[in-house]
Protein backbone atom coordinates (compact mmCIF):
# COMPACT_ATOMS: atom_id res chain seq x y z
CA UNK A 1 0.00 0.00 0.00
CA UNK A 2 1.39 3.42 -0.94
CA UNK A 3 1.87 6.01 1.76
CA UNK A 4 0.58 9.57 1.46
CA UNK A 5 3.45 12.01 1.11
CA UNK A 6 3.40 15.72 1.95
CA UNK A 7 6.31 17.65 0.55
CA UNK A 8 8.48 19.74 2.89
CA UNK A 9 7.20 23.32 3.33
CA UNK A 10 3.78 22.37 1.93
CA UNK A 11 0.82 23.62 4.00
CA UNK A 12 -1.51 21.08 5.59
CA UNK A 13 -4.71 20.57 3.63
CA UNK A 14 -7.89 21.37 5.50
CA UNK A 15 -10.40 19.68 3.23
CA UNK A 16 -11.60 16.19 2.29
CA UNK A 17 -12.74 15.27 5.80
CA UNK A 18 -15.88 13.18 6.41
CA UNK A 19 -17.53 11.81 9.59
CA UNK A 20 -16.53 8.18 10.26
CA UNK A 21 -18.80 7.22 13.15
CA UNK A 22 -22.12 8.15 14.78
CA UNK A 23 -20.55 10.81 17.03
CA UNK A 24 -21.40 13.69 14.67
CA UNK A 25 -24.47 15.94 14.45
CA UNK A 26 -25.47 18.01 11.41
CA UNK A 27 -26.27 21.62 12.28
CA UNK A 28 -26.52 25.00 10.51
CA UNK A 29 -23.90 27.68 11.21
CA UNK A 30 -23.51 31.27 9.88
CA UNK A 31 -20.60 31.82 7.46
CA UNK A 32 -18.32 34.66 6.41
CA UNK A 33 -19.20 36.52 3.20
CA UNK A 34 -17.43 35.97 -0.13
CA UNK A 35 -15.32 32.94 0.85
CA UNK A 36 -15.48 29.76 -1.23
CA UNK A 37 -15.27 26.58 0.84
CA UNK A 38 -15.20 23.03 -0.53
CA UNK A 39 -17.43 20.32 0.93
CA UNK A 40 -15.45 18.37 3.51
CA UNK A 41 -13.32 21.33 4.61
CA UNK A 42 -12.58 21.94 8.27
CA UNK A 43 -14.27 25.07 9.61
CA UNK A 44 -13.53 27.35 12.54
CA UNK A 45 -14.85 30.56 14.06
CA UNK A 46 -13.80 33.68 12.13
CA UNK A 47 -11.47 35.96 14.09
CA UNK A 48 -10.85 39.56 13.04
CA UNK A 49 -8.02 41.14 15.00
CA UNK A 50 -8.48 39.54 18.41
CA UNK A 51 -12.28 39.42 18.23
CA UNK A 52 -14.62 36.70 17.00
CA UNK A 53 -17.16 37.88 14.42
CA UNK A 54 -19.92 35.34 15.07
CA UNK A 55 -19.42 33.83 11.62
CA UNK A 56 -17.48 30.74 10.58
CA UNK A 57 -14.90 30.23 7.83
CA UNK A 58 -12.46 27.67 6.46
CA UNK A 59 -9.77 26.64 8.92
CA UNK A 60 -6.38 28.06 8.02
CA UNK A 61 -3.37 25.85 7.43
CA UNK A 62 -1.71 27.51 10.42
CA UNK A 63 -4.25 25.80 12.70
CA UNK A 64 -2.16 22.62 12.85
CA UNK A 65 -3.16 21.78 16.42
CA UNK A 66 -6.86 21.87 15.54
CA UNK A 67 -7.69 23.97 18.59
CA UNK A 68 -10.14 26.24 16.73
CA UNK A 69 -11.80 23.63 14.51
CA UNK A 70 -15.53 23.26 15.16
CA UNK A 71 -16.56 20.83 12.44
CA UNK A 72 -16.66 19.73 8.79
CA UNK A 73 -18.69 21.67 6.23
CA UNK A 74 -21.34 19.42 4.69
CA UNK A 75 -22.07 21.52 1.59
CA UNK A 76 -19.83 23.63 -0.62
CA UNK A 77 -19.90 27.43 -0.76
CA UNK A 78 -19.17 28.57 -4.32
CA UNK A 79 -19.01 31.99 -5.96
CA UNK A 80 -22.14 31.29 -8.02
CA UNK A 81 -24.32 30.83 -4.89
CA UNK A 82 -27.02 33.51 -4.63
CA UNK A 83 -25.96 34.20 -1.02
CA UNK A 84 -22.17 34.05 -1.65
CA UNK A 85 -21.57 37.72 -0.69
CA UNK A 86 -23.87 37.54 2.35
CA UNK A 87 -22.31 37.44 5.81
CA UNK A 88 -24.23 35.14 8.13
CA UNK A 89 -25.55 32.76 5.45
CA UNK A 90 -26.31 29.42 7.11
CA UNK A 91 -24.68 26.23 5.83
CA UNK A 92 -24.68 22.64 7.06
CA UNK A 93 -21.75 21.62 9.28
CA UNK A 94 -20.98 18.22 10.85
CA UNK A 95 -20.03 18.91 14.48
CA UNK A 96 -18.50 16.25 16.74
CA UNK A 97 -20.54 15.21 19.78
CA UNK A 98 -17.43 14.03 21.64
CA UNK A 99 -13.70 14.63 21.61
CA UNK A 100 -13.22 11.07 20.38
CA UNK A 101 -15.41 11.41 17.28
CA UNK A 102 -13.66 9.85 14.28
CA UNK A 103 -13.37 11.24 10.78
CA UNK A 104 -12.09 10.03 7.44
CA UNK A 105 -9.49 12.00 5.53
CA UNK A 106 -9.32 11.51 1.77
CA UNK A 107 -5.77 11.57 0.38
PDB file of N, CA and C in Angstrom:
ATOM      1  N   UNK A   1       0.841  -1.161   0.000  1.00  0.00           N
ATOM      2  CA  UNK A   1       0.000   0.000   0.000  1.00  0.00           C
ATOM      3  C   UNK A   1       0.896   1.237   0.000  1.00  0.00           C
ATOM      4  N   UNK A   2       0.599   2.190  -0.866  1.00  0.00           N
ATOM      5  CA  UNK A   2       1.388   3.425  -0.943  1.00  0.00           C
ATOM      6  C   UNK A   2       1.060   4.329   0.229  1.00  0.00           C
ATOM      7  N   UNK A   3       2.064   5.065   0.669  1.00  0.00           N
ATOM      8  CA  UNK A   3       1.871   6.014   1.759  1.00  0.00           C
ATOM      9  C   UNK A   3       1.627   7.401   1.173  1.00  0.00           C
ATOM     10  N   UNK A   4       0.783   8.186   1.875  1.00  0.00           N
ATOM     11  CA  UNK A   4       0.578   9.573   1.463  1.00  0.00           C
ATOM     12  C   UNK A   4       1.841  10.353   1.791  1.00  0.00           C
ATOM     13  N   UNK A   5       2.243  11.229   0.903  1.00  0.00           N
ATOM     14  CA  UNK A   5       3.451  12.008   1.105  1.00  0.00           C
ATOM     15  C   UNK A   5       3.101  13.488   1.008  1.00  0.00           C
ATOM     16  N   UNK A   6       3.528  14.265   1.995  1.00  0.00           N
ATOM     17  CA  UNK A   6       3.399  15.716   1.951  1.00  0.00           C
ATOM     18  C   UNK A   6       4.793  16.283   1.818  1.00  0.00           C
ATOM     19  N   UNK A   7       5.001  17.081   0.796  1.00  0.00           N
ATOM     20  CA  UNK A   7       6.313  17.654   0.547  1.00  0.00           C
ATOM     21  C   UNK A   7       6.689  18.636   1.650  1.00  0.00           C
ATOM     22  N   UNK A   8       7.983  18.794   1.903  1.00  0.00           N
ATOM     23  CA  UNK A   8       8.485  19.736   2.887  1.00  0.00           C
ATOM     24  C   UNK A   8       8.028  21.143   2.507  1.00  0.00           C
ATOM     25  N   UNK A   9       7.661  21.943   3.508  1.00  0.00           N
ATOM     26  CA  UNK A   9       7.196  23.321   3.334  1.00  0.00           C
ATOM     27  C   UNK A   9       5.880  23.430   2.579  1.00  0.00           C
ATOM     28  N   UNK A  10       5.110  22.348   2.531  1.00  0.00           N
ATOM     29  CA  UNK A  10       3.783  22.370   1.932  1.00  0.00           C
ATOM     30  C   UNK A  10       2.758  22.504   3.050  1.00  0.00           C
ATOM     31  N   UNK A  11       1.810  23.458   2.937  1.00  0.00           N
ATOM     32  CA  UNK A  11       0.820  23.620   3.998  1.00  0.00           C
ATOM     33  C   UNK A  11      -0.059  22.378   4.153  1.00  0.00           C
ATOM     34  N   UNK A  12      -0.546  22.151   5.358  1.00  0.00           N
ATOM     35  CA  UNK A  12      -1.507  21.080   5.588  1.00  0.00           C
ATOM     36  C   UNK A  12      -2.778  21.386   4.820  1.00  0.00           C
ATOM     37  N   UNK A  13      -3.422  20.370   4.294  1.00  0.00           N
ATOM     38  CA  UNK A  13      -4.707  20.574   3.627  1.00  0.00           C
ATOM     39  C   UNK A  13      -5.810  20.495   4.674  1.00  0.00           C
ATOM     40  N   UNK A  14      -6.804  21.360   4.534  1.00  0.00           N
ATOM     41  CA  UNK A  14      -7.894  21.373   5.502  1.00  0.00           C
ATOM     42  C   UNK A  14      -9.216  21.053   4.816  1.00  0.00           C
ATOM     43  N   UNK A  15      -9.186  20.107   3.903  1.00  0.00           N
ATOM     44  CA  UNK A  15     -10.402  19.682   3.230  1.00  0.00           C
ATOM     45  C   UNK A  15     -10.389  18.169   3.068  1.00  0.00           C
ATOM     46  N   UNK A  16     -11.464  17.630   2.529  1.00  0.00           N
ATOM     47  CA  UNK A  16     -11.602  16.192   2.290  1.00  0.00           C
ATOM     48  C   UNK A  16     -11.812  15.386   3.563  1.00  0.00           C
ATOM     49  N   UNK A  17     -12.401  15.984   4.574  1.00  0.00           N
ATOM     50  CA  UNK A  17     -12.736  15.269   5.804  1.00  0.00           C
ATOM     51  C   UNK A  17     -14.206  14.843   5.758  1.00  0.00           C
ATOM     52  N   UNK A  18     -14.508  13.682   6.355  1.00  0.00           N
ATOM     53  CA  UNK A  18     -15.880  13.184   6.410  1.00  0.00           C
ATOM     54  C   UNK A  18     -16.083  12.428   7.716  1.00  0.00           C
ATOM     55  N   UNK A  19     -17.267  12.552   8.351  1.00  0.00           N
ATOM     56  CA  UNK A  19     -17.527  11.807   9.593  1.00  0.00           C
ATOM     57  C   UNK A  19     -17.360  10.308   9.376  1.00  0.00           C
ATOM     58  N   UNK A  20     -16.796   9.620  10.391  1.00  0.00           N
ATOM     59  CA  UNK A  20     -16.530   8.184  10.265  1.00  0.00           C
ATOM     60  C   UNK A  20     -17.284   7.346  11.298  1.00  0.00           C
ATOM     61  N   UNK A  21     -18.015   7.978  12.184  1.00  0.00           N
ATOM     62  CA  UNK A  21     -18.802   7.219  13.152  1.00  0.00           C
ATOM     63  C   UNK A  21     -20.076   7.992  13.492  1.00  0.00           C
ATOM     64  N   UNK A  22     -20.842   7.517  14.457  1.00  0.00           N
ATOM     65  CA  UNK A  22     -22.121   8.155  14.785  1.00  0.00           C
ATOM     66  C   UNK A  22     -21.990   9.263  15.832  1.00  0.00           C
ATOM     67  N   UNK A  23     -20.797   9.770  16.038  1.00  0.00           N
ATOM     68  CA  UNK A  23     -20.554  10.810  17.031  1.00  0.00           C
ATOM     69  C   UNK A  23     -20.573  12.222  16.439  1.00  0.00           C
ATOM     70  N   UNK A  24     -21.315  12.404  15.353  1.00  0.00           N
ATOM     71  CA  UNK A  24     -21.404  13.690  14.671  1.00  0.00           C
ATOM     72  C   UNK A  24     -22.863  14.117  14.554  1.00  0.00           C
ATOM     73  N   UNK A  25     -23.124  15.407  14.619  1.00  0.00           N
ATOM     74  CA  UNK A  25     -24.469  15.939  14.447  1.00  0.00           C
ATOM     75  C   UNK A  25     -24.420  17.019  13.364  1.00  0.00           C
ATOM     76  N   UNK A  26     -25.408  17.019  12.474  1.00  0.00           N
ATOM     77  CA  UNK A  26     -25.471  18.010  11.406  1.00  0.00           C
ATOM     78  C   UNK A  26     -26.247  19.222  11.909  1.00  0.00           C
ATOM     79  N   UNK A  27     -25.636  20.392  11.827  1.00  0.00           N
ATOM     80  CA  UNK A  27     -26.271  21.623  12.280  1.00  0.00           C
ATOM     81  C   UNK A  27     -26.014  22.731  11.261  1.00  0.00           C
ATOM     82  N   UNK A  28     -26.698  23.845  11.394  1.00  0.00           N
ATOM     83  CA  UNK A  28     -26.523  24.995  10.515  1.00  0.00           C
ATOM     84  C   UNK A  28     -25.750  26.079  11.251  1.00  0.00           C
ATOM     85  N   UNK A  29     -24.698  26.619  10.618  1.00  0.00           N
ATOM     86  CA  UNK A  29     -23.896  27.684  11.215  1.00  0.00           C
ATOM     87  C   UNK A  29     -23.796  28.852  10.238  1.00  0.00           C
ATOM     88  N   UNK A  30     -23.657  30.093  10.757  1.00  0.00           N
ATOM     89  CA  UNK A  30     -23.506  31.267   9.883  1.00  0.00           C
ATOM     90  C   UNK A  30     -22.069  31.383   9.363  1.00  0.00           C
ATOM     91  N   UNK A  31     -21.927  31.748   8.081  1.00  0.00           N
ATOM     92  CA  UNK A  31     -20.604  31.816   7.458  1.00  0.00           C
ATOM     93  C   UNK A  31     -20.237  33.211   6.981  1.00  0.00           C
ATOM     94  N   UNK A  32     -18.940  33.433   6.907  1.00  0.00           N
ATOM     95  CA  UNK A  32     -18.323  34.661   6.409  1.00  0.00           C
ATOM     96  C   UNK A  32     -18.742  34.901   4.960  1.00  0.00           C
ATOM     97  N   UNK A  33     -18.833  36.166   4.571  1.00  0.00           N
ATOM     98  CA  UNK A  33     -19.196  36.523   3.196  1.00  0.00           C
ATOM     99  C   UNK A  33     -18.027  36.308   2.235  1.00  0.00           C
ATOM    100  N   UNK A  34     -18.372  35.994   0.998  1.00  0.00           N
ATOM    101  CA  UNK A  34     -17.426  35.967  -0.127  1.00  0.00           C
ATOM    102  C   UNK A  34     -16.200  35.085   0.088  1.00  0.00           C
ATOM    103  N   UNK A  35     -16.406  33.905   0.664  1.00  0.00           N
ATOM    104  CA  UNK A  35     -15.322  32.943   0.845  1.00  0.00           C
ATOM    105  C   UNK A  35     -15.793  31.585   0.343  1.00  0.00           C
ATOM    106  N   UNK A  36     -15.138  31.081  -0.696  1.00  0.00           N
ATOM    107  CA  UNK A  36     -15.478  29.761  -1.235  1.00  0.00           C
ATOM    108  C   UNK A  36     -14.898  28.688  -0.320  1.00  0.00           C
ATOM    109  N   UNK A  37     -15.707  27.668  -0.029  1.00  0.00           N
ATOM    110  CA  UNK A  37     -15.273  26.575   0.840  1.00  0.00           C
ATOM    111  C   UNK A  37     -15.762  25.266   0.224  1.00  0.00           C
ATOM    112  N   UNK A  38     -14.846  24.326   0.045  1.00  0.00           N
ATOM    113  CA  UNK A  38     -15.197  23.031  -0.530  1.00  0.00           C
ATOM    114  C   UNK A  38     -15.891  22.151   0.500  1.00  0.00           C
ATOM    115  N   UNK A  39     -16.808  21.306   0.042  1.00  0.00           N
ATOM    116  CA  UNK A  39     -17.427  20.318   0.928  1.00  0.00           C
ATOM    117  C   UNK A  39     -16.330  19.455   1.540  1.00  0.00           C
ATOM    118  N   UNK A  40     -16.447  19.177   2.824  1.00  0.00           N
ATOM    119  CA  UNK A  40     -15.452  18.365   3.506  1.00  0.00           C
ATOM    120  C   UNK A  40     -14.313  19.161   4.123  1.00  0.00           C
ATOM    121  N   UNK A  41     -14.374  20.502   4.020  1.00  0.00           N
ATOM    122  CA  UNK A  41     -13.322  21.334   4.608  1.00  0.00           C
ATOM    123  C   UNK A  41     -13.557  21.506   6.109  1.00  0.00           C
ATOM    124  N   UNK A  42     -12.478  21.648   6.847  1.00  0.00           N
ATOM    125  CA  UNK A  42     -12.580  21.937   8.273  1.00  0.00           C
ATOM    126  C   UNK A  42     -12.938  23.404   8.442  1.00  0.00           C
ATOM    127  N   UNK A  43     -13.863  23.692   9.372  1.00  0.00           N
ATOM    128  CA  UNK A  43     -14.268  25.073   9.607  1.00  0.00           C
ATOM    129  C   UNK A  43     -13.994  25.479  11.044  1.00  0.00           C
ATOM    130  N   UNK A  44     -13.789  26.790  11.216  1.00  0.00           N
ATOM    131  CA  UNK A  44     -13.533  27.349  12.540  1.00  0.00           C
ATOM    132  C   UNK A  44     -14.220  28.703  12.637  1.00  0.00           C
ATOM    133  N   UNK A  45     -14.263  29.248  13.839  1.00  0.00           N
ATOM    134  CA  UNK A  45     -14.853  30.558  14.057  1.00  0.00           C
ATOM    135  C   UNK A  45     -13.956  31.608  13.397  1.00  0.00           C
ATOM    136  N   UNK A  46     -14.567  32.594  12.755  1.00  0.00           N
ATOM    137  CA  UNK A  46     -13.797  33.675  12.134  1.00  0.00           C
ATOM    138  C   UNK A  46     -13.322  34.646  13.213  1.00  0.00           C
ATOM    139  N   UNK A  47     -12.049  35.006  13.145  1.00  0.00           N
ATOM    140  CA  UNK A  47     -11.473  35.960  14.091  1.00  0.00           C
ATOM    141  C   UNK A  47     -10.930  37.138  13.296  1.00  0.00           C
ATOM    142  N   UNK A  48     -11.337  38.335  13.674  1.00  0.00           N
ATOM    143  CA  UNK A  48     -10.848  39.556  13.037  1.00  0.00           C
ATOM    144  C   UNK A  48     -10.125  40.360  14.111  1.00  0.00           C
ATOM    145  N   UNK A  49      -8.822  40.550  13.928  1.00  0.00           N
ATOM    146  CA  UNK A  49      -8.023  41.144  15.001  1.00  0.00           C
ATOM    147  C   UNK A  49      -7.954  40.129  16.128  1.00  0.00           C
ATOM    148  N   UNK A  50      -8.405  40.482  17.287  1.00  0.00           N
ATOM    149  CA  UNK A  50      -8.479  39.541  18.410  1.00  0.00           C
ATOM    150  C   UNK A  50      -9.925  39.271  18.814  1.00  0.00           C
ATOM    151  N   UNK A  51     -10.863  39.533  17.908  1.00  0.00           N
ATOM    152  CA  UNK A  51     -12.276  39.421  18.227  1.00  0.00           C
ATOM    153  C   UNK A  51     -12.971  38.432  17.295  1.00  0.00           C
ATOM    154  N   UNK A  52     -13.827  37.590  17.839  1.00  0.00           N
ATOM    155  CA  UNK A  52     -14.621  36.696  16.999  1.00  0.00           C
ATOM    156  C   UNK A  52     -15.754  37.506  16.365  1.00  0.00           C
ATOM    157  N   UNK A  53     -16.136  37.134  15.149  1.00  0.00           N
ATOM    158  CA  UNK A  53     -17.161  37.883  14.417  1.00  0.00           C
ATOM    159  C   UNK A  53     -18.552  37.286  14.565  1.00  0.00           C
ATOM    160  N   UNK A  54     -18.635  36.032  15.024  1.00  0.00           N
ATOM    161  CA  UNK A  54     -19.925  35.344  15.071  1.00  0.00           C
ATOM    162  C   UNK A  54     -20.181  34.510  13.836  1.00  0.00           C
ATOM    163  N   UNK A  55     -19.314  34.640  12.828  1.00  0.00           N
ATOM    164  CA  UNK A  55     -19.422  33.830  11.616  1.00  0.00           C
ATOM    165  C   UNK A  55     -18.312  32.791  11.596  1.00  0.00           C
ATOM    166  N   UNK A  56     -18.461  31.809  10.716  1.00  0.00           N
ATOM    167  CA  UNK A  56     -17.482  30.739  10.580  1.00  0.00           C
ATOM    168  C   UNK A  56     -16.824  30.839   9.218  1.00  0.00           C
ATOM    169  N   UNK A  57     -15.651  30.217   9.075  1.00  0.00           N
ATOM    170  CA  UNK A  57     -14.904  30.233   7.826  1.00  0.00           C
ATOM    171  C   UNK A  57     -14.036  28.981   7.740  1.00  0.00           C
ATOM    172  N   UNK A  58     -13.342  28.820   6.623  1.00  0.00           N
ATOM    173  CA  UNK A  58     -12.457  27.667   6.458  1.00  0.00           C
ATOM    174  C   UNK A  58     -11.291  27.784   7.441  1.00  0.00           C
ATOM    175  N   UNK A  59     -10.894  26.661   7.992  1.00  0.00           N
ATOM    176  CA  UNK A  59      -9.769  26.635   8.923  1.00  0.00           C
ATOM    177  C   UNK A  59      -8.485  26.883   8.157  1.00  0.00           C
ATOM    178  N   UNK A  60      -7.649  27.755   8.673  1.00  0.00           N
ATOM    179  CA  UNK A  60      -6.380  28.063   8.019  1.00  0.00           C
ATOM    180  C   UNK A  60      -5.363  26.956   8.214  1.00  0.00           C
ATOM    181  N   UNK A  61      -4.407  26.880   7.331  1.00  0.00           N
ATOM    182  CA  UNK A  61      -3.372  25.852   7.426  1.00  0.00           C
ATOM    183  C   UNK A  61      -2.485  26.057   8.647  1.00  0.00           C
ATOM    184  N   UNK A  62      -2.513  27.252   9.223  1.00  0.00           N
ATOM    185  CA  UNK A  62      -1.711  27.507  10.418  1.00  0.00           C
ATOM    186  C   UNK A  62      -2.336  26.890  11.668  1.00  0.00           C
ATOM    187  N   UNK A  63      -3.551  26.391  11.563  1.00  0.00           N
ATOM    188  CA  UNK A  63      -4.251  25.801  12.698  1.00  0.00           C
ATOM    189  C   UNK A  63      -3.902  24.318  12.800  1.00  0.00           C
ATOM    190  N   UNK A  64      -2.624  24.004  12.866  1.00  0.00           N
ATOM    191  CA  UNK A  64      -2.159  22.615  12.848  1.00  0.00           C
ATOM    192  C   UNK A  64      -2.605  21.827  14.073  1.00  0.00           C
ATOM    193  N   UNK A  65      -2.765  22.497  15.205  1.00  0.00           N
ATOM    194  CA  UNK A  65      -3.164  21.781  16.423  1.00  0.00           C
ATOM    195  C   UNK A  65      -4.644  21.440  16.421  1.00  0.00           C
ATOM    196  N   UNK A  66      -5.425  22.131  15.599  1.00  0.00           N
ATOM    197  CA  UNK A  66      -6.857  21.868  15.535  1.00  0.00           C
ATOM    198  C   UNK A  66      -7.652  22.501  16.656  1.00  0.00           C
ATOM    199  N   UNK A  67      -7.037  23.388  17.418  1.00  0.00           N
ATOM    200  CA  UNK A  67      -7.689  23.968  18.593  1.00  0.00           C
ATOM    201  C   UNK A  67      -8.951  24.756  18.259  1.00  0.00           C
ATOM    202  N   UNK A  68      -8.997  25.388  17.085  1.00  0.00           N
ATOM    203  CA  UNK A  68     -10.136  26.239  16.732  1.00  0.00           C
ATOM    204  C   UNK A  68     -11.153  25.556  15.820  1.00  0.00           C
ATOM    205  N   UNK A  69     -10.911  24.329  15.438  1.00  0.00           N
ATOM    206  CA  UNK A  69     -11.802  23.628  14.509  1.00  0.00           C
ATOM    207  C   UNK A  69     -13.096  23.258  15.219  1.00  0.00           C
ATOM    208  N   UNK A  70     -14.236  23.591  14.571  1.00  0.00           N
ATOM    209  CA  UNK A  70     -15.533  23.264  15.164  1.00  0.00           C
ATOM    210  C   UNK A  70     -16.265  22.158  14.420  1.00  0.00           C
ATOM    211  N   UNK A  71     -15.864  21.873  13.170  1.00  0.00           N
ATOM    212  CA  UNK A  71     -16.560  20.829  12.435  1.00  0.00           C
ATOM    213  C   UNK A  71     -16.116  20.734  10.984  1.00  0.00           C
ATOM    214  N   UNK A  72     -16.922  20.000  10.204  1.00  0.00           N
ATOM    215  CA  UNK A  72     -16.656  19.730   8.794  1.00  0.00           C
ATOM    216  C   UNK A  72     -17.846  20.254   7.988  1.00  0.00           C
ATOM    217  N   UNK A  73     -17.587  21.131   7.019  1.00  0.00           N
ATOM    218  CA  UNK A  73     -18.692  21.670   6.233  1.00  0.00           C
ATOM    219  C   UNK A  73     -19.304  20.564   5.373  1.00  0.00           C
ATOM    220  N   UNK A  74     -20.625  20.506   5.363  1.00  0.00           N
ATOM    221  CA  UNK A  74     -21.340  19.424   4.688  1.00  0.00           C
ATOM    222  C   UNK A  74     -21.822  19.802   3.289  1.00  0.00           C
ATOM    223  N   UNK A  75     -21.663  21.064   2.921  1.00  0.00           N
ATOM    224  CA  UNK A  75     -22.070  21.521   1.593  1.00  0.00           C
ATOM    225  C   UNK A  75     -21.091  22.603   1.137  1.00  0.00           C
ATOM    226  N   UNK A  76     -20.801  22.643  -0.158  1.00  0.00           N
ATOM    227  CA  UNK A  76     -19.828  23.633  -0.617  1.00  0.00           C
ATOM    228  C   UNK A  76     -20.412  25.045  -0.643  1.00  0.00           C
ATOM    229  N   UNK A  77     -19.537  26.030  -0.520  1.00  0.00           N
ATOM    230  CA  UNK A  77     -19.898  27.426  -0.763  1.00  0.00           C
ATOM    231  C   UNK A  77     -19.117  27.839  -2.002  1.00  0.00           C
ATOM    232  N   UNK A  78     -19.826  28.202  -3.067  1.00  0.00           N
ATOM    233  CA  UNK A  78     -19.175  28.571  -4.322  1.00  0.00           C
ATOM    234  C   UNK A  78     -19.600  29.976  -4.744  1.00  0.00           C
ATOM    235  N   UNK A  79     -18.781  30.596  -5.581  1.00  0.00           N
ATOM    236  CA  UNK A  79     -19.011  31.989  -5.956  1.00  0.00           C
ATOM    237  C   UNK A  79     -20.306  32.200  -6.734  1.00  0.00           C
ATOM    238  N   UNK A  80     -20.886  31.148  -7.275  1.00  0.00           N
ATOM    239  CA  UNK A  80     -22.142  31.288  -8.017  1.00  0.00           C
ATOM    240  C   UNK A  80     -23.374  31.158  -7.126  1.00  0.00           C
ATOM    241  N   UNK A  81     -23.184  30.892  -5.819  1.00  0.00           N
ATOM    242  CA  UNK A  81     -24.323  30.832  -4.894  1.00  0.00           C
ATOM    243  C   UNK A  81     -24.978  32.201  -4.803  1.00  0.00           C
ATOM    244  N   UNK A  82     -26.305  32.231  -4.721  1.00  0.00           N
ATOM    245  CA  UNK A  82     -27.018  33.514  -4.632  1.00  0.00           C
ATOM    246  C   UNK A  82     -26.683  34.271  -3.348  1.00  0.00           C
ATOM    247  N   UNK A  83     -26.275  33.557  -2.297  1.00  0.00           N
ATOM    248  CA  UNK A  83     -25.957  34.204  -1.024  1.00  0.00           C
ATOM    249  C   UNK A  83     -24.448  34.274  -0.764  1.00  0.00           C
ATOM    250  N   UNK A  84     -23.626  34.108  -1.806  1.00  0.00           N
ATOM    251  CA  UNK A  84     -22.165  34.053  -1.650  1.00  0.00           C
ATOM    252  C   UNK A  84     -21.608  35.285  -0.933  1.00  0.00           C
ATOM    253  N   UNK A  85     -22.091  36.477  -1.270  1.00  0.00           N
ATOM    254  CA  UNK A  85     -21.571  37.722  -0.692  1.00  0.00           C
ATOM    255  C   UNK A  85     -22.295  38.128   0.589  1.00  0.00           C
ATOM    256  N   UNK A  86     -23.082  37.241   1.147  1.00  0.00           N
ATOM    257  CA  UNK A  86     -23.868  37.542   2.348  1.00  0.00           C
ATOM    258  C   UNK A  86     -23.186  36.997   3.590  1.00  0.00           C
ATOM    259  N   UNK A  87     -22.849  37.884   4.519  1.00  0.00           N
ATOM    260  CA  UNK A  87     -22.310  37.436   5.809  1.00  0.00           C
ATOM    261  C   UNK A  87     -23.461  36.851   6.624  1.00  0.00           C
ATOM    262  N   UNK A  88     -23.215  35.758   7.301  1.00  0.00           N
ATOM    263  CA  UNK A  88     -24.232  35.141   8.130  1.00  0.00           C
ATOM    264  C   UNK A  88     -25.084  34.098   7.427  1.00  0.00           C
ATOM    265  N   UNK A  89     -24.794  33.822   6.143  1.00  0.00           N
ATOM    266  CA  UNK A  89     -25.555  32.760   5.447  1.00  0.00           C
ATOM    267  C   UNK A  89     -25.345  31.454   6.197  1.00  0.00           C
ATOM    268  N   UNK A  90     -26.387  30.652   6.310  1.00  0.00           N
ATOM    269  CA  UNK A  90     -26.307  29.423   7.110  1.00  0.00           C
ATOM    270  C   UNK A  90     -26.061  28.226   6.202  1.00  0.00           C
ATOM    271  N   UNK A  91     -25.051  27.427   6.591  1.00  0.00           N
ATOM    272  CA  UNK A  91     -24.680  26.229   5.834  1.00  0.00           C
ATOM    273  C   UNK A  91     -24.559  25.050   6.791  1.00  0.00           C
ATOM    274  N   UNK A  92     -24.754  23.849   6.255  1.00  0.00           N
ATOM    275  CA  UNK A  92     -24.676  22.637   7.059  1.00  0.00           C
ATOM    276  C   UNK A  92     -23.244  22.310   7.469  1.00  0.00           C
ATOM    277  N   UNK A  93     -23.062  21.980   8.754  1.00  0.00           N
ATOM    278  CA  UNK A  93     -21.750  21.618   9.284  1.00  0.00           C
ATOM    279  C   UNK A  93     -21.899  20.384  10.172  1.00  0.00           C
ATOM    280  N   UNK A  94     -21.046  19.388   9.955  1.00  0.00           N
ATOM    281  CA  UNK A  94     -20.979  18.225  10.845  1.00  0.00           C
ATOM    282  C   UNK A  94     -20.150  18.618  12.059  1.00  0.00           C
ATOM    283  N   UNK A  95     -20.750  18.578  13.247  1.00  0.00           N
ATOM    284  CA  UNK A  95     -20.028  18.913  14.477  1.00  0.00           C
ATOM    285  C   UNK A  95     -19.886  17.662  15.335  1.00  0.00           C
ATOM    286  N   UNK A  96     -18.694  17.440  15.908  1.00  0.00           N
ATOM    287  CA  UNK A  96     -18.498  16.249  16.740  1.00  0.00           C
ATOM    288  C   UNK A  96     -19.268  16.366  18.054  1.00  0.00           C
ATOM    289  N   UNK A  97     -19.845  15.249  18.490  1.00  0.00           N
ATOM    290  CA  UNK A  97     -20.540  15.207  19.782  1.00  0.00           C
ATOM    291  C   UNK A  97     -19.566  14.979  20.926  1.00  0.00           C
ATOM    292  N   UNK A  98     -18.437  14.345  20.626  1.00  0.00           N
ATOM    293  CA  UNK A  98     -17.434  14.028  21.645  1.00  0.00           C
ATOM    294  C   UNK A  98     -16.049  14.350  21.124  1.00  0.00           C
ATOM    295  N   UNK A  99     -15.088  14.388  22.017  1.00  0.00           N
ATOM    296  CA  UNK A  99     -13.700  14.632  21.614  1.00  0.00           C
ATOM    297  C   UNK A  99     -13.080  13.423  20.931  1.00  0.00           C
ATOM    298  N   UNK A 100     -13.756  12.287  21.007  1.00  0.00           N
ATOM    299  CA  UNK A 100     -13.223  11.073  20.378  1.00  0.00           C
ATOM    300  C   UNK A 100     -13.941  10.731  19.072  1.00  0.00           C
ATOM    301  N   UNK A 101     -14.740  11.652  18.554  1.00  0.00           N
ATOM    302  CA  UNK A 101     -15.413  11.405  17.279  1.00  0.00           C
ATOM    303  C   UNK A 101     -14.354  11.167  16.191  1.00  0.00           C
ATOM    304  N   UNK A 102     -14.629  10.219  15.319  1.00  0.00           N
ATOM    305  CA  UNK A 102     -13.662   9.853  14.279  1.00  0.00           C
ATOM    306  C   UNK A 102     -14.093  10.425  12.939  1.00  0.00           C
ATOM    307  N   UNK A 103     -13.086  10.757  12.109  1.00  0.00           N
ATOM    308  CA  UNK A 103     -13.372  11.243  10.775  1.00  0.00           C
ATOM    309  C   UNK A 103     -12.429  10.600   9.766  1.00  0.00           C
ATOM    310  N   UNK A 104     -12.926  10.484   8.548  1.00  0.00           N
ATOM    311  CA  UNK A 104     -12.090  10.031   7.445  1.00  0.00           C
ATOM    312  C   UNK A 104     -11.393  11.219   6.850  1.00  0.00           C
ATOM    313  N   UNK A 105     -10.220  10.982   6.263  1.00  0.00           N
ATOM    314  CA  UNK A 105      -9.494  12.001   5.534  1.00  0.00           C
ATOM    315  C   UNK A 105      -9.114  11.420   4.188  1.00  0.00           C
ATOM    316  N   UNK A 106      -9.590  12.009   3.116  1.00  0.00           N
ATOM    317  CA  UNK A 106      -9.316  11.509   1.768  1.00  0.00           C
ATOM    318  C   UNK A 106      -7.956  12.040   1.305  1.00  0.00           C
ATOM    319  N   UNK A 107      -7.084  11.139   0.881  1.00  0.00           N
ATOM    320  CA  UNK A 107      -5.769  11.570   0.375  1.00  0.00           C
ATOM    321  C   UNK A 107      -5.637  11.285  -1.102  1.00  0.00           C
TER     322      UNK A 107
END
